[in-house]
């Protein structure tokens, strides 16, 4: 793995720390920077190719499992597709 040194303005330090606290799936600043670069590279090349990702609403919508029969007239929005488990 390569190394990339990133200099940030002092005033960004508090914003970054607050962001990391709100998003604990980033364990440290390195993971945040790697993810930001990955998204920047993917969005730059998005015009050349498309593949669904977790940010796409159609692929990240929650799946609801219904155990009892439901009258279709009681359902406001129906999404057809594969169910998760």
PDB file of N, CA and C in Angstrom:
ATOM      1  N   UNK A   1       0.856  -1.166   0.000  1.00  0.00           N
ATOM      2  CA  UNK A   1       0.000   0.000   0.000  1.00  0.00           C
ATOM      3  C   UNK A   1       0.906   1.234   0.000  1.00  0.00           C
ATOM      4  N   UNK A   2       0.540   2.219  -0.798  1.00  0.00           N
ATOM      5  CA  UNK A   2       1.313   3.453  -0.871  1.00  0.00           C
ATOM      6  C   UNK A   2       0.941   4.418   0.238  1.00  0.00           C
ATOM      7  N   UNK A   3       1.685   5.497   0.313  1.00  0.00           N
ATOM      8  CA  UNK A   3       1.452   6.520   1.329  1.00  0.00           C
ATOM      9  C   UNK A   3       1.168   7.840   0.648  1.00  0.00           C
ATOM     10  N   UNK A   4       0.215   8.574   1.187  1.00  0.00           N
ATOM     11  CA  UNK A   4      -0.143   9.887   0.677  1.00  0.00           C
ATOM     12  C   UNK A   4      -0.227  10.832   1.863  1.00  0.00           C
ATOM     13  N   UNK A   5       0.597  11.858   1.876  1.00  0.00           N
ATOM     14  CA  UNK A   5       0.542  12.853   2.944  1.00  0.00           C
ATOM     15  C   UNK A   5      -0.404  13.964   2.516  1.00  0.00           C
ATOM     16  N   UNK A   6      -1.384  14.251   3.347  1.00  0.00           N
ATOM     17  CA  UNK A   6      -2.383  15.267   3.031  1.00  0.00           C
ATOM     18  C   UNK A   6      -2.310  16.367   4.077  1.00  0.00           C
ATOM     19  N   UNK A   7      -2.096  17.587   3.622  1.00  0.00           N
ATOM     20  CA  UNK A   7      -2.099  18.728   4.536  1.00  0.00           C
ATOM     21  C   UNK A   7      -3.487  19.340   4.524  1.00  0.00           C
ATOM     22  N   UNK A   8      -3.997  19.634   5.717  1.00  0.00           N
ATOM     23  CA  UNK A   8      -5.311  20.258   5.831  1.00  0.00           C
ATOM     24  C   UNK A   8      -5.174  21.555   6.609  1.00  0.00           C
ATOM     25  N   UNK A   9      -6.013  22.533   6.307  1.00  0.00           N
ATOM     26  CA  UNK A   9      -5.982  23.772   7.076  1.00  0.00           C
ATOM     27  C   UNK A   9      -6.360  23.500   8.534  1.00  0.00           C
ATOM     28  N   UNK A  10      -5.767  24.266   9.448  1.00  0.00           N
ATOM     29  CA  UNK A  10      -6.043  24.075  10.876  1.00  0.00           C
ATOM     30  C   UNK A  10      -7.533  24.168  11.181  1.00  0.00           C
ATOM     31  N   UNK A  11      -8.236  25.071  10.495  1.00  0.00           N
ATOM     32  CA  UNK A  11      -9.657  25.259  10.793  1.00  0.00           C
ATOM     33  C   UNK A  11     -10.515  24.057  10.367  1.00  0.00           C
ATOM     34  N   UNK A  12      -9.989  23.172   9.533  1.00  0.00           N
ATOM     35  CA  UNK A  12     -10.738  21.968   9.142  1.00  0.00           C
ATOM     36  C   UNK A  12     -10.641  20.858  10.180  1.00  0.00           C
ATOM     37  N   UNK A  13      -9.677  20.931  11.053  1.00  0.00           N
ATOM     38  CA  UNK A  13      -9.446  19.860  12.026  1.00  0.00           C
ATOM     39  C   UNK A  13     -10.696  19.576  12.864  1.00  0.00           C
ATOM     40  N   UNK A  14     -11.341  20.621  13.392  1.00  0.00           N
ATOM     41  CA  UNK A  14     -12.545  20.423  14.207  1.00  0.00           C
ATOM     42  C   UNK A  14     -13.675  19.821  13.382  1.00  0.00           C
ATOM     43  N   UNK A  15     -13.830  20.285  12.134  1.00  0.00           N
ATOM     44  CA  UNK A  15     -14.876  19.747  11.264  1.00  0.00           C
ATOM     45  C   UNK A  15     -14.647  18.267  10.986  1.00  0.00           C
ATOM     46  N   UNK A  16     -13.408  17.896  10.753  1.00  0.00           N
ATOM     47  CA  UNK A  16     -13.087  16.493  10.476  1.00  0.00           C
ATOM     48  C   UNK A  16     -13.349  15.636  11.707  1.00  0.00           C
ATOM     49  N   UNK A  17     -12.925  16.103  12.864  1.00  0.00           N
ATOM     50  CA  UNK A  17     -13.156  15.345  14.098  1.00  0.00           C
ATOM     51  C   UNK A  17     -14.653  15.180  14.358  1.00  0.00           C
ATOM     52  N   UNK A  18     -15.435  16.236  14.137  1.00  0.00           N
ATOM     53  CA  UNK A  18     -16.886  16.156  14.330  1.00  0.00           C
ATOM     54  C   UNK A  18     -17.505  15.167  13.339  1.00  0.00           C
ATOM     55  N   UNK A  19     -17.025  15.191  12.096  1.00  0.00           N
ATOM     56  CA  UNK A  19     -17.522  14.259  11.083  1.00  0.00           C
ATOM     57  C   UNK A  19     -17.219  12.820  11.488  1.00  0.00           C
ATOM     58  N   UNK A  20     -16.012  12.575  11.971  1.00  0.00           N
ATOM     59  CA  UNK A  20     -15.635  11.223  12.391  1.00  0.00           C
ATOM     60  C   UNK A  20     -16.483  10.752  13.570  1.00  0.00           C
ATOM     61  N   UNK A  21     -16.839  11.662  14.469  1.00  0.00           N
ATOM     62  CA  UNK A  21     -17.698  11.291  15.599  1.00  0.00           C
ATOM     63  C   UNK A  21     -19.102  10.932  15.124  1.00  0.00           C
ATOM     64  N   UNK A  22     -19.599  11.656  14.111  1.00  0.00           N
ATOM     65  CA  UNK A  22     -20.939  11.386  13.582  1.00  0.00           C
ATOM     66  C   UNK A  22     -20.961  10.146  12.689  1.00  0.00           C
ATOM     67  N   UNK A  23     -19.817   9.757  12.189  1.00  0.00           N
ATOM     68  CA  UNK A  23     -19.712   8.618  11.268  1.00  0.00           C
ATOM     69  C   UNK A  23     -18.679   7.629  11.797  1.00  0.00           C
ATOM     70  N   UNK A  24     -19.027   6.880  12.846  1.00  0.00           N
ATOM     71  CA  UNK A  24     -18.039   6.011  13.505  1.00  0.00           C
ATOM     72  C   UNK A  24     -17.558   4.841  12.653  1.00  0.00           C
ATOM     73  N   UNK A  25     -18.167   4.612  11.474  1.00  0.00           N
ATOM     74  CA  UNK A  25     -17.652   3.529  10.623  1.00  0.00           C
ATOM     75  C   UNK A  25     -16.294   3.893  10.038  1.00  0.00           C
ATOM     76  N   UNK A  26     -15.942   5.191  10.061  1.00  0.00           N
ATOM     77  CA  UNK A  26     -14.574   5.595   9.719  1.00  0.00           C
ATOM     78  C   UNK A  26     -13.769   5.530  11.008  1.00  0.00           C
ATOM     79  N   UNK A  27     -12.817   4.627  11.070  1.00  0.00           N
ATOM     80  CA  UNK A  27     -12.051   4.459  12.300  1.00  0.00           C
ATOM     81  C   UNK A  27     -11.034   5.564  12.513  1.00  0.00           C
ATOM     82  N   UNK A  28     -10.601   6.203  11.400  1.00  0.00           N
ATOM     83  CA  UNK A  28      -9.600   7.257  11.519  1.00  0.00           C
ATOM     84  C   UNK A  28      -9.623   8.126  10.263  1.00  0.00           C
ATOM     85  N   UNK A  29      -8.787   9.147  10.248  1.00  0.00           N
ATOM     86  CA  UNK A  29      -8.734  10.080   9.121  1.00  0.00           C
ATOM     87  C   UNK A  29      -8.276   9.387   7.842  1.00  0.00           C
ATOM     88  N   UNK A  30      -7.399   8.416   7.964  1.00  0.00           N
ATOM     89  CA  UNK A  30      -6.914   7.704   6.776  1.00  0.00           C
ATOM     90  C   UNK A  30      -8.055   7.013   6.043  1.00  0.00           C
ATOM     91  N   UNK A  31      -8.938   6.352   6.790  1.00  0.00           N
ATOM     92  CA  UNK A  31     -10.076   5.689   6.155  1.00  0.00           C
ATOM     93  C   UNK A  31     -10.999   6.700   5.497  1.00  0.00           C
ATOM     94  N   UNK A  32     -11.198   7.839   6.146  1.00  0.00           N
ATOM     95  CA  UNK A  32     -12.033   8.898   5.578  1.00  0.00           C
ATOM     96  C   UNK A  32     -11.450   9.400   4.263  1.00  0.00           C
ATOM     97  N   UNK A  33     -10.145   9.643   4.235  1.00  0.00           N
ATOM     98  CA  UNK A  33      -9.490  10.142   3.019  1.00  0.00           C
ATOM     99  C   UNK A  33      -9.540   9.095   1.913  1.00  0.00           C
ATOM    100  N   UNK A  34      -9.284   7.821   2.252  1.00  0.00           N
ATOM    101  CA  UNK A  34      -9.351   6.757   1.241  1.00  0.00           C
ATOM    102  C   UNK A  34     -10.742   6.686   0.620  1.00  0.00           C
ATOM    103  N   UNK A  35     -11.775   6.765   1.476  1.00  0.00           N
ATOM    104  CA  UNK A  35     -13.143   6.690   0.976  1.00  0.00           C
ATOM    105  C   UNK A  35     -13.487   7.909   0.119  1.00  0.00           C
ATOM    106  N   UNK A  36     -13.046   9.086   0.541  1.00  0.00           N
ATOM    107  CA  UNK A  36     -13.303  10.304  -0.238  1.00  0.00           C
ATOM    108  C   UNK A  36     -12.632  10.219  -1.607  1.00  0.00           C
ATOM    109  N   UNK A  37     -11.398   9.739  -1.648  1.00  0.00           N
ATOM    110  CA  UNK A  37     -10.701   9.581  -2.930  1.00  0.00           C
ATOM    111  C   UNK A  37     -11.386   8.538  -3.810  1.00  0.00           C
ATOM    112  N   UNK A  38     -11.810   7.443  -3.200  1.00  0.00           N
ATOM    113  CA  UNK A  38     -12.505   6.391  -3.950  1.00  0.00           C
ATOM    114  C   UNK A  38     -13.773   6.951  -4.594  1.00  0.00           C
ATOM    115  N   UNK A  39     -14.554   7.725  -3.819  1.00  0.00           N
ATOM    116  CA  UNK A  39     -15.781   8.319  -4.360  1.00  0.00           C
ATOM    117  C   UNK A  39     -15.472   9.336  -5.456  1.00  0.00           C
ATOM    118  N   UNK A  40     -14.426  10.123  -5.278  1.00  0.00           N
ATOM    119  CA  UNK A  40     -14.053  11.110  -6.296  1.00  0.00           C
ATOM    120  C   UNK A  40     -13.651  10.418  -7.594  1.00  0.00           C
ATOM    121  N   UNK A  41     -12.882   9.360  -7.489  1.00  0.00           N
ATOM    122  CA  UNK A  41     -12.443   8.626  -8.682  1.00  0.00           C
ATOM    123  C   UNK A  41     -13.634   7.948  -9.356  1.00  0.00           C
ATOM    124  N   UNK A  42     -14.516   7.331  -8.555  1.00  0.00           N
ATOM    125  CA  UNK A  42     -15.688   6.666  -9.121  1.00  0.00           C
ATOM    126  C   UNK A  42     -16.618   7.658  -9.804  1.00  0.00           C
ATOM    127  N   UNK A  43     -16.842   8.815  -9.187  1.00  0.00           N
ATOM    128  CA  UNK A  43     -17.748   9.793  -9.796  1.00  0.00           C
ATOM    129  C   UNK A  43     -17.137  10.388 -11.056  1.00  0.00           C
ATOM    130  N   UNK A  44     -15.813  10.490 -11.097  1.00  0.00           N
ATOM    131  CA  UNK A  44     -15.140  11.000 -12.289  1.00  0.00           C
ATOM    132  C   UNK A  44     -15.289  10.028 -13.454  1.00  0.00           C
ATOM    133  N   UNK A  45     -15.264   8.740 -13.151  1.00  0.00           N
ATOM    134  CA  UNK A  45     -15.359   7.739 -14.211  1.00  0.00           C
ATOM    135  C   UNK A  45     -16.788   7.246 -14.413  1.00  0.00           C
ATOM    136  N   UNK A  46     -17.749   7.820 -13.693  1.00  0.00           N
ATOM    137  CA  UNK A  46     -19.139   7.360 -13.792  1.00  0.00           C
ATOM    138  C   UNK A  46     -19.704   7.543 -15.192  1.00  0.00           C
ATOM    139  N   UNK A  47     -19.242   8.540 -15.921  1.00  0.00           N
ATOM    140  CA  UNK A  47     -19.729   8.755 -17.271  1.00  0.00           C
ATOM    141  C   UNK A  47     -19.282   7.673 -18.227  1.00  0.00           C
ATOM    142  N   UNK A  48     -18.210   6.998 -17.893  1.00  0.00           N
ATOM    143  CA  UNK A  48     -17.665   5.953 -18.765  1.00  0.00           C
ATOM    144  C   UNK A  48     -18.263   4.586 -18.491  1.00  0.00           C
ATOM    145  N   UNK A  49     -18.654   4.355 -17.256  1.00  0.00           N
ATOM    146  CA  UNK A  49     -19.273   3.076 -16.915  1.00  0.00           C
ATOM    147  C   UNK A  49     -20.232   3.305 -15.750  1.00  0.00           C
ATOM    148  N   UNK A  50     -21.211   2.437 -15.623  1.00  0.00           N
ATOM    149  CA  UNK A  50     -22.164   2.552 -14.529  1.00  0.00           C
ATOM    150  C   UNK A  50     -22.301   1.206 -13.854  1.00  0.00           C
ATOM    151  N   UNK A  51     -22.263   1.238 -12.556  1.00  0.00           N
ATOM    152  CA  UNK A  51     -22.557   0.036 -11.796  1.00  0.00           C
ATOM    153  C   UNK A  51     -23.277   0.466 -10.533  1.00  0.00           C
ATOM    154  N   UNK A  52     -24.271  -0.296 -10.107  1.00  0.00           N
ATOM    155  CA  UNK A  52     -25.026   0.101  -8.922  1.00  0.00           C
ATOM    156  C   UNK A  52     -24.155   0.077  -7.678  1.00  0.00           C
ATOM    157  N   UNK A  53     -24.396   1.015  -6.792  1.00  0.00           N
ATOM    158  CA  UNK A  53     -23.654   1.088  -5.542  1.00  0.00           C
ATOM    159  C   UNK A  53     -24.601   1.294  -4.386  1.00  0.00           C
ATOM    160  N   UNK A  54     -24.070   1.276  -3.197  1.00  0.00           N
ATOM    161  CA  UNK A  54     -24.932   1.400  -2.026  1.00  0.00           C
ATOM    162  C   UNK A  54     -25.564   2.785  -1.903  1.00  0.00           C
ATOM    163  N   UNK A  55     -25.049   3.786  -2.621  1.00  0.00           N
ATOM    164  CA  UNK A  55     -25.638   5.118  -2.587  1.00  0.00           C
ATOM    165  C   UNK A  55     -26.842   5.246  -3.518  1.00  0.00           C
ATOM    166  N   UNK A  56     -27.060   4.264  -4.396  1.00  0.00           N
ATOM    167  CA  UNK A  56     -28.187   4.319  -5.317  1.00  0.00           C
ATOM    168  C   UNK A  56     -29.461   3.957  -4.562  1.00  0.00           C
ATOM    169  N   UNK A  57     -30.474   4.838  -4.570  1.00  0.00           N
ATOM    170  CA  UNK A  57     -31.689   4.601  -3.781  1.00  0.00           C
ATOM    171  C   UNK A  57     -32.375   3.276  -4.084  1.00  0.00           C
ATOM    172  N   UNK A  58     -32.378   2.863  -5.334  1.00  0.00           N
ATOM    173  CA  UNK A  58     -33.085   1.628  -5.674  1.00  0.00           C
ATOM    174  C   UNK A  58     -32.415   0.402  -5.052  1.00  0.00           C
ATOM    175  N   UNK A  59     -31.113   0.472  -4.825  1.00  0.00           N
ATOM    176  CA  UNK A  59     -30.397  -0.666  -4.261  1.00  0.00           C
ATOM    177  C   UNK A  59     -30.222  -0.563  -2.747  1.00  0.00           C
ATOM    178  N   UNK A  60     -30.492   0.606  -2.173  1.00  0.00           N
ATOM    179  CA  UNK A  60     -30.302   0.755  -0.734  1.00  0.00           C
ATOM    180  C   UNK A  60     -31.626   0.867   0.012  1.00  0.00           C
ATOM    181  N   UNK A  61     -32.748   0.725  -0.694  1.00  0.00           N
ATOM    182  CA  UNK A  61     -34.048   0.823  -0.036  1.00  0.00           C
ATOM    183  C   UNK A  61     -34.211  -0.331   0.944  1.00  0.00           C
ATOM    184  N   UNK A  62     -34.823  -0.060   2.093  1.00  0.00           N
ATOM    185  CA  UNK A  62     -35.013  -1.132   3.068  1.00  0.00           C
ATOM    186  C   UNK A  62     -35.984  -2.187   2.535  1.00  0.00           C
ATOM    187  N   UNK A  63     -35.791  -3.403   2.959  1.00  0.00           N
ATOM    188  CA  UNK A  63     -36.665  -4.504   2.576  1.00  0.00           C
ATOM    189  C   UNK A  63     -37.575  -4.822   3.746  1.00  0.00           C
ATOM    190  N   UNK A  64     -38.848  -4.973   3.465  1.00  0.00           N
ATOM    191  CA  UNK A  64     -39.825  -5.275   4.507  1.00  0.00           C
ATOM    192  C   UNK A  64     -40.333  -6.689   4.280  1.00  0.00           C
ATOM    193  N   UNK A  65     -40.310  -7.482   5.335  1.00  0.00           N
ATOM    194  CA  UNK A  65     -40.843  -8.834   5.267  1.00  0.00           C
ATOM    195  C   UNK A  65     -42.166  -8.848   6.013  1.00  0.00           C
ATOM    196  N   UNK A  66     -43.218  -9.315   5.354  1.00  0.00           N
ATOM    197  CA  UNK A  66     -44.552  -9.350   5.956  1.00  0.00           C
ATOM    198  C   UNK A  66     -44.890 -10.797   6.251  1.00  0.00           C
ATOM    199  N   UNK A  67     -45.231 -11.064   7.506  1.00  0.00           N
ATOM    200  CA  UNK A  67     -45.525 -12.426   7.913  1.00  0.00           C
ATOM    201  C   UNK A  67     -47.002 -12.768   7.735  1.00  0.00           C
ATOM    202  N   UNK A  68     -47.880 -11.762   7.781  1.00  0.00           N
ATOM    203  CA  UNK A  68     -49.307 -12.005   7.628  1.00  0.00           C
ATOM    204  C   UNK A  68     -49.766 -11.443   6.292  1.00  0.00           C
ATOM    205  N   UNK A  69     -50.813 -12.023   5.701  1.00  0.00           N
ATOM    206  CA  UNK A  69     -51.319 -11.484   4.435  1.00  0.00           C
ATOM    207  C   UNK A  69     -51.735 -10.021   4.593  1.00  0.00           C
ATOM    208  N   UNK A  70     -51.497  -9.251   3.547  1.00  0.00           N
ATOM    209  CA  UNK A  70     -51.821  -7.830   3.567  1.00  0.00           C
ATOM    210  C   UNK A  70     -52.756  -7.541   2.406  1.00  0.00           C
ATOM    211  N   UNK A  71     -53.801  -6.765   2.674  1.00  0.00           N
ATOM    212  CA  UNK A  71     -54.712  -6.340   1.614  1.00  0.00           C
ATOM    213  C   UNK A  71     -54.005  -5.281   0.778  1.00  0.00           C
ATOM    214  N   UNK A  72     -53.887  -5.515  -0.534  1.00  0.00           N
ATOM    215  CA  UNK A  72     -53.157  -4.583  -1.394  1.00  0.00           C
ATOM    216  C   UNK A  72     -53.732  -3.178  -1.340  1.00  0.00           C
ATOM    217  N   UNK A  73     -55.007  -3.039  -1.033  1.00  0.00           N
ATOM    218  CA  UNK A  73     -55.617  -1.715  -0.920  1.00  0.00           C
ATOM    219  C   UNK A  73     -55.060  -0.915   0.247  1.00  0.00           C
ATOM    220  N   UNK A  74     -54.462  -1.594   1.227  1.00  0.00           N
ATOM    221  CA  UNK A  74     -53.888  -0.918   2.393  1.00  0.00           C
ATOM    222  C   UNK A  74     -52.449  -0.474   2.172  1.00  0.00           C
ATOM    223  N   UNK A  75     -51.869  -0.835   1.045  1.00  0.00           N
ATOM    224  CA  UNK A  75     -50.469  -0.515   0.781  1.00  0.00           C
ATOM    225  C   UNK A  75     -50.387   0.747  -0.065  1.00  0.00           C
ATOM    226  N   UNK A  76     -49.618   1.737   0.411  1.00  0.00           N
ATOM    227  CA  UNK A  76     -49.456   2.997  -0.325  1.00  0.00           C
ATOM    228  C   UNK A  76     -48.456   2.857  -1.457  1.00  0.00           C
ATOM    229  N   UNK A  77     -47.299   2.292  -1.178  1.00  0.00           N
ATOM    230  CA  UNK A  77     -46.234   2.161  -2.167  1.00  0.00           C
ATOM    231  C   UNK A  77     -45.783   0.711  -2.219  1.00  0.00           C
ATOM    232  N   UNK A  78     -45.699   0.165  -3.404  1.00  0.00           N
ATOM    233  CA  UNK A  78     -45.246  -1.206  -3.571  1.00  0.00           C
ATOM    234  C   UNK A  78     -43.981  -1.192  -4.415  1.00  0.00           C
ATOM    235  N   UNK A  79     -42.945  -1.861  -3.933  1.00  0.00           N
ATOM    236  CA  UNK A  79     -41.704  -2.011  -4.685  1.00  0.00           C
ATOM    237  C   UNK A  79     -41.552  -3.487  -4.989  1.00  0.00           C
ATOM    238  N   UNK A  80     -41.462  -3.831  -6.256  1.00  0.00           N
ATOM    239  CA  UNK A  80     -41.310  -5.218  -6.660  1.00  0.00           C
ATOM    240  C   UNK A  80     -39.840  -5.533  -6.845  1.00  0.00           C
ATOM    241  N   UNK A  81     -39.428  -6.683  -6.375  1.00  0.00           N
ATOM    242  CA  UNK A  81     -38.035  -7.087  -6.522  1.00  0.00           C
ATOM    243  C   UNK A  81     -37.727  -8.229  -5.585  1.00  0.00           C
ATOM    244  N   UNK A  82     -36.463  -8.585  -5.502  1.00  0.00           N
ATOM    245  CA  UNK A  82     -36.030  -9.667  -4.629  1.00  0.00           C
ATOM    246  C   UNK A  82     -36.058  -9.211  -3.184  1.00  0.00           C
ATOM    247  N   UNK A  83     -36.430 -10.106  -2.295  1.00  0.00           N
ATOM    248  CA  UNK A  83     -36.438  -9.813  -0.866  1.00  0.00           C
ATOM    249  C   UNK A  83     -35.147 -10.323  -0.252  1.00  0.00           C
ATOM    250  N   UNK A  84     -34.670  -9.604   0.751  1.00  0.00           N
ATOM    251  CA  UNK A  84     -33.463 -10.022   1.483  1.00  0.00           C
ATOM    252  C   UNK A  84     -33.875 -11.021   2.546  1.00  0.00           C
ATOM    253  N   UNK A  85     -33.647 -12.299   2.309  1.00  0.00           N
ATOM    254  CA  UNK A  85     -33.873 -13.332   3.299  1.00  0.00           C
ATOM    255  C   UNK A  85     -35.264 -13.479   3.685  1.00  0.00           C
TER     256      UNK A  85
END
